[in-house]
């Protein structure tokens, strides 16, 4: 039996959603002692129950994240859960976020641009300066990655397959540029692309632009995907939004897409008549 003294000590910087819970559960099953830093306004307070240690921190308080982890003897960490980056561009953002010096230095002095990969890689480098190594976010959760094939009872139609092939390379190019991971396609026409608003808001916008429905959502990993962060993620909420806004097929990348609550997601898609196609990486 693994004791607390001998257990690997893992830190989790937790954003919103179910994924942080999954990482805590998977890591503890692997024998880890888990410290969670919950991002205030995003993380679920319920994470305090399964975690061995739990502390709140602001989003723009990277220095505090590091201090909490070091005080708890953490040498490896994982970023898990979503953060709506658009919140960082509201009015009086510095007063609302109250960034610490470390975050200000990264944001204004270290990074050449504010794209996700740039920002998160700089955070990982800052962690490394303090001898905390950022692990792949799916290090303990490989079983939740998408398998290859059609995951639903319904098979894609020839028209849907054509849209999947058409949109795939465009989605990859969007990812290469680190603009977004998702696009919406119908009849080999791009209806919408994801940017800072995130996939959920893009789905809503697609429903407005294509009120007759029948469109396809394609969500893929970046060609240069860093598995430490920003891994494409889908789940029951994705299906619920597609159903609400007229989407009829979800295309994801096998082995590179994280699925939250896979059985429920597939059951919900079957009930809604939505196809889920998981394509292999080229």
C-alpha atoms as a PDB file:
ATOM      1  CA  UNK A   1       0.000   0.000   0.000  1.00  0.00           C
ATOM      2  CA  UNK A   2       1.358   3.443  -0.928  1.00  0.00           C
ATOM      3  CA  UNK A   3       1.952   5.723   2.059  1.00  0.00           C
ATOM      4  CA  UNK A   4       1.759   9.514   1.941  1.00  0.00           C
ATOM      5  CA  UNK A   5       5.506   9.715   2.536  1.00  0.00           C
ATOM      6  CA  UNK A   6       6.344   7.497  -0.427  1.00  0.00           C
ATOM      7  CA  UNK A   7       3.614   8.641  -2.828  1.00  0.00           C
ATOM      8  CA  UNK A   8       4.452  10.761  -5.851  1.00  0.00           C
ATOM      9  CA  UNK A   9       3.296  14.301  -5.155  1.00  0.00           C
ATOM     10  CA  UNK A  10       1.285  15.895  -7.947  1.00  0.00           C
ATOM     11  CA  UNK A  11      -0.037  19.426  -8.218  1.00  0.00           C
ATOM     12  CA  UNK A  12      -3.111  20.258 -10.290  1.00  0.00           C
ATOM     13  CA  UNK A  13      -3.924  23.792 -11.427  1.00  0.00           C
ATOM     14  CA  UNK A  14      -7.679  23.398 -11.824  1.00  0.00           C
ATOM     15  CA  UNK A  15      -9.991  25.343 -14.085  1.00  0.00           C
ATOM     16  CA  UNK A  16     -13.653  24.684 -14.857  1.00  0.00           C
ATOM     17  CA  UNK A  17     -15.395  21.473 -15.789  1.00  0.00           C
ATOM     18  CA  UNK A  18     -15.269  17.783 -15.015  1.00  0.00           C
ATOM     19  CA  UNK A  19     -11.698  17.133 -16.183  1.00  0.00           C
ATOM     20  CA  UNK A  20      -9.947  18.279 -12.965  1.00  0.00           C
ATOM     21  CA  UNK A  21     -12.043  15.744 -11.021  1.00  0.00           C
ATOM     22  CA  UNK A  22     -11.001  13.031 -13.483  1.00  0.00           C
ATOM     23  CA  UNK A  23      -7.313  13.902 -13.099  1.00  0.00           C
ATOM     24  CA  UNK A  24      -7.567  13.847  -9.296  1.00  0.00           C
ATOM     25  CA  UNK A  25      -9.334  10.464  -9.396  1.00  0.00           C
ATOM     26  CA  UNK A  26      -6.898   8.964 -11.920  1.00  0.00           C
ATOM     27  CA  UNK A  27      -3.802  10.300 -10.127  1.00  0.00           C
ATOM     28  CA  UNK A  28      -4.943   9.067  -6.715  1.00  0.00           C
ATOM     29  CA  UNK A  29      -5.716   5.666  -8.248  1.00  0.00           C
ATOM     30  CA  UNK A  30      -2.078   5.664  -9.395  1.00  0.00           C
ATOM     31  CA  UNK A  31      -0.970   6.313  -5.815  1.00  0.00           C
ATOM     32  CA  UNK A  32      -0.297  10.060  -5.967  1.00  0.00           C
ATOM     33  CA  UNK A  33      -0.668  12.579  -3.175  1.00  0.00           C
ATOM     34  CA  UNK A  34      -2.598  15.409  -4.898  1.00  0.00           C
ATOM     35  CA  UNK A  35      -2.549  19.131  -4.166  1.00  0.00           C
ATOM     36  CA  UNK A  36      -5.121  21.176  -6.094  1.00  0.00           C
ATOM     37  CA  UNK A  37      -4.845  24.903  -6.760  1.00  0.00           C
ATOM     38  CA  UNK A  38      -8.380  25.933  -7.688  1.00  0.00           C
ATOM     39  CA  UNK A  39      -8.655  28.952  -9.989  1.00  0.00           C
ATOM     40  CA  UNK A  40     -11.194  31.229  -8.381  1.00  0.00           C
ATOM     41  CA  UNK A  41     -14.223  31.828 -10.589  1.00  0.00           C
ATOM     42  CA  UNK A  42     -13.545  28.679 -12.629  1.00  0.00           C
ATOM     43  CA  UNK A  43     -12.787  25.635 -10.464  1.00  0.00           C
ATOM     44  CA  UNK A  44     -15.459  23.694  -8.573  1.00  0.00           C
ATOM     45  CA  UNK A  45     -15.213  23.918  -4.779  1.00  0.00           C
ATOM     46  CA  UNK A  46     -16.073  20.198  -4.696  1.00  0.00           C
ATOM     47  CA  UNK A  47     -12.467  19.455  -5.695  1.00  0.00           C
ATOM     48  CA  UNK A  48     -11.490  20.009  -2.064  1.00  0.00           C
ATOM     49  CA  UNK A  49     -13.090  16.688  -1.113  1.00  0.00           C
ATOM     50  CA  UNK A  50     -11.051  14.236  -3.248  1.00  0.00           C
ATOM     51  CA  UNK A  51      -7.816  16.274  -3.068  1.00  0.00           C
ATOM     52  CA  UNK A  52      -5.272  15.734  -0.319  1.00  0.00           C
ATOM     53  CA  UNK A  53      -4.728  19.489  -0.158  1.00  0.00           C
ATOM     54  CA  UNK A  54      -6.734  22.300  -1.746  1.00  0.00           C
ATOM     55  CA  UNK A  55      -6.068  26.031  -2.020  1.00  0.00           C
ATOM     56  CA  UNK A  56      -7.794  28.803  -3.956  1.00  0.00           C
ATOM     57  CA  UNK A  57      -5.887  31.242  -6.152  1.00  0.00           C
ATOM     58  CA  UNK A  58      -6.671  33.938  -8.657  1.00  0.00           C
ATOM     59  CA  UNK A  59      -6.243  33.324 -12.368  1.00  0.00           C
ATOM     60  CA  UNK A  60      -3.420  35.848 -12.744  1.00  0.00           C
ATOM     61  CA  UNK A  61      -1.485  34.740  -9.651  1.00  0.00           C
ATOM     62  CA  UNK A  62       1.151  32.422 -11.113  1.00  0.00           C
ATOM     63  CA  UNK A  63       3.572  33.283  -8.326  1.00  0.00           C
ATOM     64  CA  UNK A  64       1.025  32.120  -5.762  1.00  0.00           C
ATOM     65  CA  UNK A  65       0.447  28.865  -7.682  1.00  0.00           C
ATOM     66  CA  UNK A  66       4.164  28.150  -7.429  1.00  0.00           C
ATOM     67  CA  UNK A  67       4.365  29.022  -3.721  1.00  0.00           C
ATOM     68  CA  UNK A  68       1.433  26.731  -2.896  1.00  0.00           C
ATOM     69  CA  UNK A  69       2.951  23.848  -4.846  1.00  0.00           C
ATOM     70  CA  UNK A  70       6.403  24.273  -3.327  1.00  0.00           C
ATOM     71  CA  UNK A  71       5.007  24.450   0.208  1.00  0.00           C
ATOM     72  CA  UNK A  72       3.340  21.116  -0.455  1.00  0.00           C
ATOM     73  CA  UNK A  73       6.494  19.518  -1.798  1.00  0.00           C
ATOM     74  CA  UNK A  74       5.243  19.311  -5.380  1.00  0.00           C
ATOM     75  CA  UNK A  75       7.726  18.546  -8.148  1.00  0.00           C
ATOM     76  CA  UNK A  76       5.310  17.810 -11.005  1.00  0.00           C
ATOM     77  CA  UNK A  77       2.100  19.583 -11.986  1.00  0.00           C
ATOM     78  CA  UNK A  78      -0.758  19.329 -14.441  1.00  0.00           C
ATOM     79  CA  UNK A  79      -3.012  22.018 -15.891  1.00  0.00           C
ATOM     80  CA  UNK A  80      -6.578  20.677 -16.040  1.00  0.00           C
ATOM     81  CA  UNK A  81      -9.909  22.285 -16.829  1.00  0.00           C
ATOM     82  CA  UNK A  82     -11.055  25.190 -18.940  1.00  0.00           C
ATOM     83  CA  UNK A  83     -10.490  28.907 -18.516  1.00  0.00           C
ATOM     84  CA  UNK A  84     -12.422  31.437 -20.568  1.00  0.00           C
ATOM     85  CA  UNK A  85      -9.625  33.596 -21.883  1.00  0.00           C
ATOM     86  CA  UNK A  86     -12.119  36.254 -22.983  1.00  0.00           C
ATOM     87  CA  UNK A  87     -12.500  37.215 -19.308  1.00  0.00           C
ATOM     88  CA  UNK A  88      -8.990  38.579 -19.459  1.00  0.00           C
ATOM     89  CA  UNK A  89     -10.049  41.356 -21.825  1.00  0.00           C
ATOM     90  CA  UNK A  90     -12.914  42.947 -19.903  1.00  0.00           C
ATOM     91  CA  UNK A  91     -12.993  46.472 -18.527  1.00  0.00           C
ATOM     92  CA  UNK A  92     -10.626  47.265 -15.646  1.00  0.00           C
ATOM     93  CA  UNK A  93      -9.037  43.857 -16.122  1.00  0.00           C
ATOM     94  CA  UNK A  94      -5.998  44.578 -13.956  1.00  0.00           C
ATOM     95  CA  UNK A  95      -8.207  45.606 -11.033  1.00  0.00           C
ATOM     96  CA  UNK A  96     -10.410  42.539 -11.452  1.00  0.00           C
ATOM     97  CA  UNK A  97      -7.599  40.032 -11.908  1.00  0.00           C
ATOM     98  CA  UNK A  98      -5.142  41.600  -9.411  1.00  0.00           C
ATOM     99  CA  UNK A  99      -2.140  39.932 -11.074  1.00  0.00           C
ATOM    100  CA  UNK A 100       0.974  39.254  -9.027  1.00  0.00           C
ATOM    101  CA  UNK A 101       4.439  40.319 -10.150  1.00  0.00           C
ATOM    102  CA  UNK A 102       5.226  36.940 -11.745  1.00  0.00           C
ATOM    103  CA  UNK A 103       2.088  37.098 -13.903  1.00  0.00           C
ATOM    104  CA  UNK A 104       2.726  40.715 -14.889  1.00  0.00           C
ATOM    105  CA  UNK A 105       6.290  39.876 -15.908  1.00  0.00           C
ATOM    106  CA  UNK A 106       5.118  36.934 -18.042  1.00  0.00           C
ATOM    107  CA  UNK A 107       2.229  38.845 -19.630  1.00  0.00           C
ATOM    108  CA  UNK A 108       3.987  42.120 -20.410  1.00  0.00           C
ATOM    109  CA  UNK A 109       7.717  41.308 -20.544  1.00  0.00           C
ATOM    110  CA  UNK A 110       8.298  37.648 -21.364  1.00  0.00           C
ATOM    111  CA  UNK A 111       5.906  36.565 -24.108  1.00  0.00           C
ATOM    112  CA  UNK A 112       5.958  37.981 -27.664  1.00  0.00           C
ATOM    113  CA  UNK A 113       2.228  37.401 -28.219  1.00  0.00           C
ATOM    114  CA  UNK A 114      -0.849  36.311 -26.233  1.00  0.00           C
ATOM    115  CA  UNK A 115      -1.772  33.096 -28.063  1.00  0.00           C
ATOM    116  CA  UNK A 116      -2.574  30.107 -25.862  1.00  0.00           C
ATOM    117  CA  UNK A 117       0.557  28.113 -26.661  1.00  0.00           C
ATOM    118  CA  UNK A 118       2.784  31.116 -26.052  1.00  0.00           C
ATOM    119  CA  UNK A 119       1.233  31.990 -22.695  1.00  0.00           C
ATOM    120  CA  UNK A 120       1.041  28.438 -21.368  1.00  0.00           C
ATOM    121  CA  UNK A 121       4.550  27.539 -22.499  1.00  0.00           C
ATOM    122  CA  UNK A 122       5.826  30.596 -20.613  1.00  0.00           C
ATOM    123  CA  UNK A 123       3.971  29.440 -17.496  1.00  0.00           C
ATOM    124  CA  UNK A 124       5.526  25.981 -17.870  1.00  0.00           C
ATOM    125  CA  UNK A 125       8.972  27.594 -18.202  1.00  0.00           C
ATOM    126  CA  UNK A 126       8.341  29.618 -15.042  1.00  0.00           C
ATOM    127  CA  UNK A 127       7.382  26.435 -13.206  1.00  0.00           C
ATOM    128  CA  UNK A 128      10.578  24.783 -14.445  1.00  0.00           C
ATOM    129  CA  UNK A 129      12.634  27.688 -13.058  1.00  0.00           C
ATOM    130  CA  UNK A 130      11.261  26.666  -9.665  1.00  0.00           C
ATOM    131  CA  UNK A 131      11.950  22.960 -10.286  1.00  0.00           C
ATOM    132  CA  UNK A 132       8.318  22.052 -10.941  1.00  0.00           C
ATOM    133  CA  UNK A 133       7.881  20.054 -14.138  1.00  0.00           C
ATOM    134  CA  UNK A 134       4.638  20.433 -16.124  1.00  0.00           C
ATOM    135  CA  UNK A 135       3.403  16.983 -17.171  1.00  0.00           C
ATOM    136  CA  UNK A 136       1.132  16.058 -20.062  1.00  0.00           C
ATOM    137  CA  UNK A 137      -2.375  16.802 -18.837  1.00  0.00           C
ATOM    138  CA  UNK A 138      -3.472  13.280 -19.851  1.00  0.00           C
ATOM    139  CA  UNK A 139      -0.511  11.559 -18.166  1.00  0.00           C
ATOM    140  CA  UNK A 140      -2.851   9.771 -15.739  1.00  0.00           C
ATOM    141  CA  UNK A 141      -5.938   9.823 -17.978  1.00  0.00           C
ATOM    142  CA  UNK A 142      -4.941   8.035 -21.196  1.00  0.00           C
ATOM    143  CA  UNK A 143      -8.007   5.791 -20.982  1.00  0.00           C
ATOM    144  CA  UNK A 144     -10.201   8.818 -21.651  1.00  0.00           C
ATOM    145  CA  UNK A 145      -8.654   9.596 -25.043  1.00  0.00           C
ATOM    146  CA  UNK A 146     -10.858   9.093 -28.111  1.00  0.00           C
ATOM    147  CA  UNK A 147     -10.616   5.721 -29.871  1.00  0.00           C
ATOM    148  CA  UNK A 148     -10.695   5.571 -33.656  1.00  0.00           C
ATOM    149  CA  UNK A 149     -13.913   4.987 -35.614  1.00  0.00           C
ATOM    150  CA  UNK A 150     -17.594   5.872 -35.624  1.00  0.00           C
ATOM    151  CA  UNK A 151     -18.577   5.971 -31.951  1.00  0.00           C
ATOM    152  CA  UNK A 152     -22.339   6.212 -32.433  1.00  0.00           C
ATOM    153  CA  UNK A 153     -25.003   3.939 -33.898  1.00  0.00           C
ATOM    154  CA  UNK A 154     -25.634   6.384 -36.752  1.00  0.00           C
ATOM    155  CA  UNK A 155     -23.069   6.345 -39.560  1.00  0.00           C
ATOM    156  CA  UNK A 156     -22.032   9.519 -41.391  1.00  0.00           C
ATOM    157  CA  UNK A 157     -23.696  10.160 -44.723  1.00  0.00           C
ATOM    158  CA  UNK A 158     -21.568  10.651 -47.865  1.00  0.00           C
ATOM    159  CA  UNK A 159     -22.202  14.413 -47.588  1.00  0.00           C
ATOM    160  CA  UNK A 160     -21.069  14.445 -43.966  1.00  0.00           C
ATOM    161  CA  UNK A 161     -17.933  12.493 -44.804  1.00  0.00           C
ATOM    162  CA  UNK A 162     -17.170  15.005 -47.543  1.00  0.00           C
ATOM    163  CA  UNK A 163     -17.549  17.843 -45.023  1.00  0.00           C
ATOM    164  CA  UNK A 164     -15.304  16.003 -42.551  1.00  0.00           C
ATOM    165  CA  UNK A 165     -12.517  15.639 -45.098  1.00  0.00           C
ATOM    166  CA  UNK A 166     -12.989  19.203 -46.352  1.00  0.00           C
ATOM    167  CA  UNK A 167     -12.888  20.731 -42.883  1.00  0.00           C
ATOM    168  CA  UNK A 168     -10.085  18.614 -41.446  1.00  0.00           C
ATOM    169  CA  UNK A 169      -7.153  20.337 -43.174  1.00  0.00           C
ATOM    170  CA  UNK A 170      -8.668  23.758 -42.505  1.00  0.00           C
ATOM    171  CA  UNK A 171      -9.026  22.928 -38.799  1.00  0.00           C
ATOM    172  CA  UNK A 172      -5.419  21.751 -38.715  1.00  0.00           C
ATOM    173  CA  UNK A 173      -4.260  24.996 -40.284  1.00  0.00           C
ATOM    174  CA  UNK A 174      -6.256  26.987 -37.711  1.00  0.00           C
ATOM    175  CA  UNK A 175      -4.521  24.934 -35.040  1.00  0.00           C
ATOM    176  CA  UNK A 176      -1.093  25.457 -36.589  1.00  0.00           C
ATOM    177  CA  UNK A 177      -1.665  29.190 -36.345  1.00  0.00           C
ATOM    178  CA  UNK A 178      -2.895  28.709 -32.734  1.00  0.00           C
ATOM    179  CA  UNK A 179      -6.134  30.561 -33.444  1.00  0.00           C
ATOM    180  CA  UNK A 180      -8.610  27.858 -32.410  1.00  0.00           C
ATOM    181  CA  UNK A 181      -9.275  24.125 -32.522  1.00  0.00           C
ATOM    182  CA  UNK A 182     -12.781  24.002 -34.020  1.00  0.00           C
ATOM    183  CA  UNK A 183     -14.655  24.940 -37.161  1.00  0.00           C
ATOM    184  CA  UNK A 184     -18.240  24.428 -38.296  1.00  0.00           C
ATOM    185  CA  UNK A 185     -18.861  23.205 -41.846  1.00  0.00           C
ATOM    186  CA  UNK A 186     -21.888  22.509 -44.044  1.00  0.00           C
ATOM    187  CA  UNK A 187     -21.902  21.515 -47.713  1.00  0.00           C
ATOM    188  CA  UNK A 188     -18.144  22.167 -47.963  1.00  0.00           C
ATOM    189  CA  UNK A 189     -18.560  25.720 -46.706  1.00  0.00           C
ATOM    190  CA  UNK A 190     -17.037  27.046 -43.497  1.00  0.00           C
ATOM    191  CA  UNK A 191     -19.827  28.511 -41.372  1.00  0.00           C
ATOM    192  CA  UNK A 192     -17.774  29.611 -38.351  1.00  0.00           C
ATOM    193  CA  UNK A 193     -14.317  29.287 -36.818  1.00  0.00           C
ATOM    194  CA  UNK A 194     -13.320  29.281 -33.170  1.00  0.00           C
ATOM    195  CA  UNK A 195     -11.216  32.079 -31.751  1.00  0.00           C
ATOM    196  CA  UNK A 196     -10.967  33.529 -28.256  1.00  0.00           C
ATOM    197  CA  UNK A 197     -14.653  32.925 -27.483  1.00  0.00           C
ATOM    198  CA  UNK A 198     -14.176  29.145 -27.248  1.00  0.00           C
ATOM    199  CA  UNK A 199     -16.002  26.200 -28.794  1.00  0.00           C
ATOM    200  CA  UNK A 200     -19.280  26.620 -26.890  1.00  0.00           C
ATOM    201  CA  UNK A 201     -19.796  30.198 -28.025  1.00  0.00           C
ATOM    202  CA  UNK A 202     -18.775  29.258 -31.562  1.00  0.00           C
ATOM    203  CA  UNK A 203     -21.459  26.542 -31.601  1.00  0.00           C
ATOM    204  CA  UNK A 204     -24.061  29.102 -30.548  1.00  0.00           C
ATOM    205  CA  UNK A 205     -22.913  31.491 -33.267  1.00  0.00           C
ATOM    206  CA  UNK A 206     -23.067  28.693 -35.858  1.00  0.00           C
ATOM    207  CA  UNK A 207     -26.671  28.008 -34.880  1.00  0.00           C
ATOM    208  CA  UNK A 208     -27.495  31.652 -35.555  1.00  0.00           C
ATOM    209  CA  UNK A 209     -25.683  31.654 -38.896  1.00  0.00           C
ATOM    210  CA  UNK A 210     -27.138  28.301 -39.999  1.00  0.00           C
ATOM    211  CA  UNK A 211     -30.644  28.149 -38.491  1.00  0.00           C
ATOM    212  CA  UNK A 212     -31.693  25.222 -40.728  1.00  0.00           C
ATOM    213  CA  UNK A 213     -29.107  23.062 -38.941  1.00  0.00           C
ATOM    214  CA  UNK A 214     -27.451  19.954 -40.327  1.00  0.00           C
ATOM    215  CA  UNK A 215     -23.904  21.249 -39.940  1.00  0.00           C
ATOM    216  CA  UNK A 216     -20.738  19.477 -38.751  1.00  0.00           C
ATOM    217  CA  UNK A 217     -18.407  20.479 -35.924  1.00  0.00           C
ATOM    218  CA  UNK A 218     -14.761  19.521 -36.444  1.00  0.00           C
ATOM    219  CA  UNK A 219     -12.473  19.738 -33.412  1.00  0.00           C
ATOM    220  CA  UNK A 220      -8.860  18.598 -33.769  1.00  0.00           C
ATOM    221  CA  UNK A 221      -5.487  18.839 -32.088  1.00  0.00           C
ATOM    222  CA  UNK A 222      -2.940  21.308 -33.344  1.00  0.00           C
ATOM    223  CA  UNK A 223      -0.266  19.819 -35.633  1.00  0.00           C
ATOM    224  CA  UNK A 224       2.277  20.898 -33.004  1.00  0.00           C
ATOM    225  CA  UNK A 225      -0.015  19.937 -30.098  1.00  0.00           C
ATOM    226  CA  UNK A 226       1.708  20.225 -26.730  1.00  0.00           C
ATOM    227  CA  UNK A 227      -0.052  17.592 -24.624  1.00  0.00           C
ATOM    228  CA  UNK A 228       0.729  19.536 -21.464  1.00  0.00           C
ATOM    229  CA  UNK A 229      -2.119  21.922 -22.111  1.00  0.00           C
ATOM    230  CA  UNK A 230      -5.042  22.955 -24.313  1.00  0.00           C
ATOM    231  CA  UNK A 231      -5.815  19.379 -25.440  1.00  0.00           C
ATOM    232  CA  UNK A 232      -9.099  19.315 -27.415  1.00  0.00           C
ATOM    233  CA  UNK A 233     -11.899  18.138 -25.127  1.00  0.00           C
ATOM    234  CA  UNK A 234     -15.487  17.054 -25.789  1.00  0.00           C
ATOM    235  CA  UNK A 235     -18.224  15.584 -23.634  1.00  0.00           C
ATOM    236  CA  UNK A 236     -21.969  15.518 -22.943  1.00  0.00           C
ATOM    237  CA  UNK A 237     -22.103  19.321 -22.868  1.00  0.00           C
ATOM    238  CA  UNK A 238     -20.726  19.400 -26.414  1.00  0.00           C
ATOM    239  CA  UNK A 239     -23.530  17.108 -27.593  1.00  0.00           C
ATOM    240  CA  UNK A 240     -26.143  19.156 -25.728  1.00  0.00           C
ATOM    241  CA  UNK A 241     -24.992  22.336 -27.442  1.00  0.00           C
ATOM    242  CA  UNK A 242     -24.886  20.676 -30.864  1.00  0.00           C
ATOM    243  CA  UNK A 243     -28.409  19.395 -30.353  1.00  0.00           C
ATOM    244  CA  UNK A 244     -29.633  22.825 -29.262  1.00  0.00           C
ATOM    245  CA  UNK A 245     -28.041  24.651 -32.194  1.00  0.00           C
ATOM    246  CA  UNK A 246     -28.581  22.235 -35.077  1.00  0.00           C
ATOM    247  CA  UNK A 247     -25.279  20.374 -35.320  1.00  0.00           C
ATOM    248  CA  UNK A 248     -25.624  16.818 -36.681  1.00  0.00           C
ATOM    249  CA  UNK A 249     -22.058  15.489 -36.634  1.00  0.00           C
ATOM    250  CA  UNK A 250     -19.019  15.834 -34.392  1.00  0.00           C
ATOM    251  CA  UNK A 251     -15.618  15.007 -35.882  1.00  0.00           C
ATOM    252  CA  UNK A 252     -12.707  14.555 -33.462  1.00  0.00           C
ATOM    253  CA  UNK A 253      -9.134  13.265 -33.628  1.00  0.00           C
ATOM    254  CA  UNK A 254      -8.441   9.767 -32.325  1.00  0.00           C
ATOM    255  CA  UNK A 255      -5.747   9.551 -29.673  1.00  0.00           C
ATOM    256  CA  UNK A 256      -5.522  13.347 -29.365  1.00  0.00           C
ATOM    257  CA  UNK A 257      -8.992  14.277 -28.069  1.00  0.00           C
ATOM    258  CA  UNK A 258     -10.043  13.931 -24.446  1.00  0.00           C
ATOM    259  CA  UNK A 259     -13.593  12.646 -23.907  1.00  0.00           C
ATOM    260  CA  UNK A 260     -15.383  13.566 -20.691  1.00  0.00           C
ATOM    261  CA  UNK A 261     -17.903  10.905 -19.552  1.00  0.00           C
ATOM    262  CA  UNK A 262     -17.616   8.903 -22.778  1.00  0.00           C
ATOM    263  CA  UNK A 263     -20.570   6.555 -22.209  1.00  0.00           C
ATOM    264  CA  UNK A 264     -22.962   9.424 -21.466  1.00  0.00           C
ATOM    265  CA  UNK A 265     -21.698  11.473 -24.394  1.00  0.00           C
ATOM    266  CA  UNK A 266     -22.279   8.604 -26.822  1.00  0.00           C
ATOM    267  CA  UNK A 267     -25.687   7.781 -25.321  1.00  0.00           C
ATOM    268  CA  UNK A 268     -26.751  11.429 -25.620  1.00  0.00           C
ATOM    269  CA  UNK A 269     -25.520  11.564 -29.222  1.00  0.00           C
ATOM    270  CA  UNK A 270     -27.442   8.390 -30.085  1.00  0.00           C
ATOM    271  CA  UNK A 271     -30.600   9.847 -28.552  1.00  0.00           C
ATOM    272  CA  UNK A 272     -30.162  13.072 -30.539  1.00  0.00           C
ATOM    273  CA  UNK A 273     -29.262  11.376 -33.832  1.00  0.00           C
ATOM    274  CA  UNK A 274     -25.854  13.037 -33.843  1.00  0.00           C
ATOM    275  CA  UNK A 275     -22.928  11.204 -35.459  1.00  0.00           C
ATOM    276  CA  UNK A 276     -19.551  11.104 -33.703  1.00  0.00           C
ATOM    277  CA  UNK A 277     -16.654  10.299 -36.021  1.00  0.00           C
ATOM    278  CA  UNK A 278     -13.173   9.890 -34.540  1.00  0.00           C
ATOM    279  CA  UNK A 279     -10.593  10.085 -37.320  1.00  0.00           C
ATOM    280  CA  UNK A 280      -6.978   8.975 -37.052  1.00  0.00           C
ATOM    281  CA  UNK A 281      -4.187  11.514 -37.233  1.00  0.00           C
ATOM    282  CA  UNK A 282      -2.640  11.724 -40.703  1.00  0.00           C
END
